[in-house]
Amino acid sequence: IGSGGLLEGSTITFRVWFPSGLPLTGLQPFVIYVPQEPPNGGGVWAGNWYYVSTLTPGQWNTLTVTVPPTSDYVLEIGVHVRTSAAWTGSIFVDAVRW
């Protein structure tokens, strides 16, 4: 795998901070990867949802996702944000490690 050390089975850790009062419902760290035996189309999405009820606003929260064992190489990593209403402001992602 030529993705900067992101090997199949690697755990990617994100530290995420968000303010209280945000209409946030969930955060999903994700990885988009090319499988060893690709399906039609290309990249495949894998992620873990963390619901706000399990996180702490105003503090750094640790979120993880694992690169699937069938991955050939990683195309993209990130954190998907879901809200229940329109909102403008900042969410901080720091200390991404694998």
C-alpha atoms as a PDB file:
ATOM      1  CA  ILE A   1       0.000   0.000   0.000  1.00  0.00           C
ATOM      2  CA  GLY A   2       1.417   3.360  -0.964  1.00  0.00           C
ATOM      3  CA  SER A   3      -0.657   5.653   1.270  1.00  0.00           C
ATOM      4  CA  GLY A   4       1.920   7.106   3.660  1.00  0.00           C
ATOM      5  CA  GLY A   5       1.872   4.149   6.041  1.00  0.00           C
ATOM      6  CA  LEU A   6      -1.906   3.687   5.994  1.00  0.00           C
ATOM      7  CA  LEU A   7      -1.858  -0.080   5.779  1.00  0.00           C
ATOM      8  CA  GLU A   8      -4.878  -2.344   5.789  1.00  0.00           C
ATOM      9  CA  GLY A   9      -5.964  -2.798   9.391  1.00  0.00           C
ATOM     10  CA  SER A  10      -4.438   0.566  10.487  1.00  0.00           C
ATOM     11  CA  THR A  11      -6.483   2.542  13.005  1.00  0.00           C
ATOM     12  CA  ILE A  12      -6.794   6.252  12.207  1.00  0.00           C
ATOM     13  CA  THR A  13      -7.371   8.507  15.231  1.00  0.00           C
ATOM     14  CA  PHE A  14      -8.859  12.012  15.021  1.00  0.00           C
ATOM     15  CA  ARG A  15      -9.144  14.498  17.897  1.00  0.00           C
ATOM     16  CA  VAL A  16     -12.271  16.642  17.364  1.00  0.00           C
ATOM     17  CA  TRP A  17     -13.493  19.693  19.300  1.00  0.00           C
ATOM     18  CA  PHE A  18     -16.912  21.300  18.873  1.00  0.00           C
ATOM     19  CA  PRO A  19     -18.779  23.952  20.889  1.00  0.00           C
ATOM     20  CA  SER A  20     -21.855  23.312  23.008  1.00  0.00           C
ATOM     21  CA  GLY A  21     -25.172  24.462  21.600  1.00  0.00           C
ATOM     22  CA  LEU A  22     -24.336  23.231  18.097  1.00  0.00           C
ATOM     23  CA  PRO A  23     -27.216  21.381  16.383  1.00  0.00           C
ATOM     24  CA  LEU A  24     -24.792  18.518  15.829  1.00  0.00           C
ATOM     25  CA  THR A  25     -26.249  15.019  15.741  1.00  0.00           C
ATOM     26  CA  GLY A  26     -23.178  12.997  14.817  1.00  0.00           C
ATOM     27  CA  LEU A  27     -19.612  12.803  13.557  1.00  0.00           C
ATOM     28  CA  GLN A  28     -18.235  10.061  11.348  1.00  0.00           C
ATOM     29  CA  PRO A  29     -14.518   9.541  10.835  1.00  0.00           C
ATOM     30  CA  PHE A  30     -14.119   7.842   7.458  1.00  0.00           C
ATOM     31  CA  VAL A  31     -11.676   6.342   4.999  1.00  0.00           C
ATOM     32  CA  ILE A  32     -12.223   6.018   1.253  1.00  0.00           C
ATOM     33  CA  TYR A  33     -10.107   3.214  -0.129  1.00  0.00           C
ATOM     34  CA  VAL A  34      -9.561   1.097  -3.205  1.00  0.00           C
ATOM     35  CA  PRO A  35     -10.189  -2.561  -2.408  1.00  0.00           C
ATOM     36  CA  GLN A  36      -7.763  -5.306  -3.423  1.00  0.00           C
ATOM     37  CA  GLU A  37     -10.441  -6.597  -5.784  1.00  0.00           C
ATOM     38  CA  PRO A  38     -12.242  -3.437  -6.931  1.00  0.00           C
ATOM     39  CA  PRO A  39     -15.968  -3.389  -7.621  1.00  0.00           C
ATOM     40  CA  ASN A  40     -17.277  -1.352 -10.531  1.00  0.00           C
ATOM     41  CA  GLY A  41     -16.809   2.336  -9.795  1.00  0.00           C
ATOM     42  CA  GLY A  42     -13.649   2.810  -7.701  1.00  0.00           C
ATOM     43  CA  GLY A  43     -13.356   3.953  -4.083  1.00  0.00           C
ATOM     44  CA  VAL A  44     -15.248   2.362  -1.207  1.00  0.00           C
ATOM     45  CA  TRP A  45     -16.358   4.262   1.941  1.00  0.00           C
ATOM     46  CA  ALA A  46     -15.847   2.885   5.470  1.00  0.00           C
ATOM     47  CA  GLY A  47     -16.674   4.840   8.634  1.00  0.00           C
ATOM     48  CA  ASN A  48     -17.919   4.813  12.230  1.00  0.00           C
ATOM     49  CA  TRP A  49     -20.738   7.071  13.448  1.00  0.00           C
ATOM     50  CA  TYR A  50     -20.340   8.744  16.822  1.00  0.00           C
ATOM     51  CA  TYR A  51     -23.579  10.274  18.075  1.00  0.00           C
ATOM     52  CA  VAL A  52     -23.344  13.546  19.991  1.00  0.00           C
ATOM     53  CA  SER A  53     -24.897  11.919  23.045  1.00  0.00           C
ATOM     54  CA  THR A  54     -21.665   9.890  23.372  1.00  0.00           C
ATOM     55  CA  LEU A  55     -19.347  12.922  22.949  1.00  0.00           C
ATOM     56  CA  THR A  56     -18.499  15.947  25.113  1.00  0.00           C
ATOM     57  CA  PRO A  57     -18.971  19.475  23.697  1.00  0.00           C
ATOM     58  CA  GLY A  58     -16.242  21.980  24.558  1.00  0.00           C
ATOM     59  CA  GLN A  59     -13.622  19.233  24.993  1.00  0.00           C
ATOM     60  CA  TRP A  60     -11.373  17.221  22.675  1.00  0.00           C
ATOM     61  CA  ASN A  61     -13.043  13.948  21.690  1.00  0.00           C
ATOM     62  CA  THR A  62     -11.180  10.967  20.230  1.00  0.00           C
ATOM     63  CA  LEU A  63     -12.739   9.324  17.175  1.00  0.00           C
ATOM     64  CA  THR A  64     -11.334   6.318  15.310  1.00  0.00           C
ATOM     65  CA  VAL A  65     -11.843   4.404  12.078  1.00  0.00           C
ATOM     66  CA  THR A  66      -9.990   1.324  10.854  1.00  0.00           C
ATOM     67  CA  VAL A  67      -8.731   0.828   7.304  1.00  0.00           C
ATOM     68  CA  PRO A  68     -10.475  -2.377   6.142  1.00  0.00           C
ATOM     69  CA  PRO A  69      -8.292  -5.475   5.735  1.00  0.00           C
ATOM     70  CA  THR A  70      -9.349  -5.681   2.072  1.00  0.00           C
ATOM     71  CA  SER A  71      -7.845  -2.260   1.267  1.00  0.00           C
ATOM     72  CA  ASP A  72      -5.240  -1.966  -1.472  1.00  0.00           C
ATOM     73  CA  TYR A  73      -4.611   1.750  -0.874  1.00  0.00           C
ATOM     74  CA  VAL A  74      -6.295   4.750   0.762  1.00  0.00           C
ATOM     75  CA  LEU A  75      -7.668   7.624  -1.325  1.00  0.00           C
ATOM     76  CA  GLU A  76      -9.006   9.938   1.382  1.00  0.00           C
ATOM     77  CA  ILE A  77      -9.625  10.270   5.118  1.00  0.00           C
ATOM     78  CA  GLY A  78     -11.799  12.779   6.962  1.00  0.00           C
ATOM     79  CA  VAL A  79     -14.655  13.475   9.366  1.00  0.00           C
ATOM     80  CA  HIS A  80     -18.250  13.726   8.134  1.00  0.00           C
ATOM     81  CA  VAL A  81     -20.473  16.120  10.146  1.00  0.00           C
ATOM     82  CA  ARG A  82     -24.249  15.724  10.510  1.00  0.00           C
ATOM     83  CA  THR A  83     -26.486  18.454  11.976  1.00  0.00           C
ATOM     84  CA  SER A  84     -30.209  18.716  12.634  1.00  0.00           C
ATOM     85  CA  ALA A  85     -30.411  22.354  11.445  1.00  0.00           C
ATOM     86  CA  ALA A  86     -28.458  24.948   9.487  1.00  0.00           C
ATOM     87  CA  TRP A  87     -25.422  26.204  11.366  1.00  0.00           C
ATOM     88  CA  THR A  88     -22.382  28.406  10.813  1.00  0.00           C
ATOM     89  CA  GLY A  89     -19.275  28.129  12.941  1.00  0.00           C
ATOM     90  CA  SER A  90     -16.204  26.018  13.537  1.00  0.00           C
ATOM     91  CA  ILE A  91     -15.436  22.441  14.437  1.00  0.00           C
ATOM     92  CA  PHE A  92     -11.756  21.642  14.960  1.00  0.00           C
ATOM     93  CA  VAL A  93      -9.975  18.462  13.890  1.00  0.00           C
ATOM     94  CA  ASP A  94      -6.441  18.009  15.214  1.00  0.00           C
ATOM     95  CA  ALA A  95      -3.815  15.349  15.922  1.00  0.00           C
ATOM     96  CA  VAL A  96      -4.761  12.935  13.111  1.00  0.00           C
ATOM     97  CA  ARG A  97      -2.619   9.831  13.628  1.00  0.00           C
ATOM     98  CA  TRP A  98      -2.210   6.285  12.399  1.00  0.00           C
END
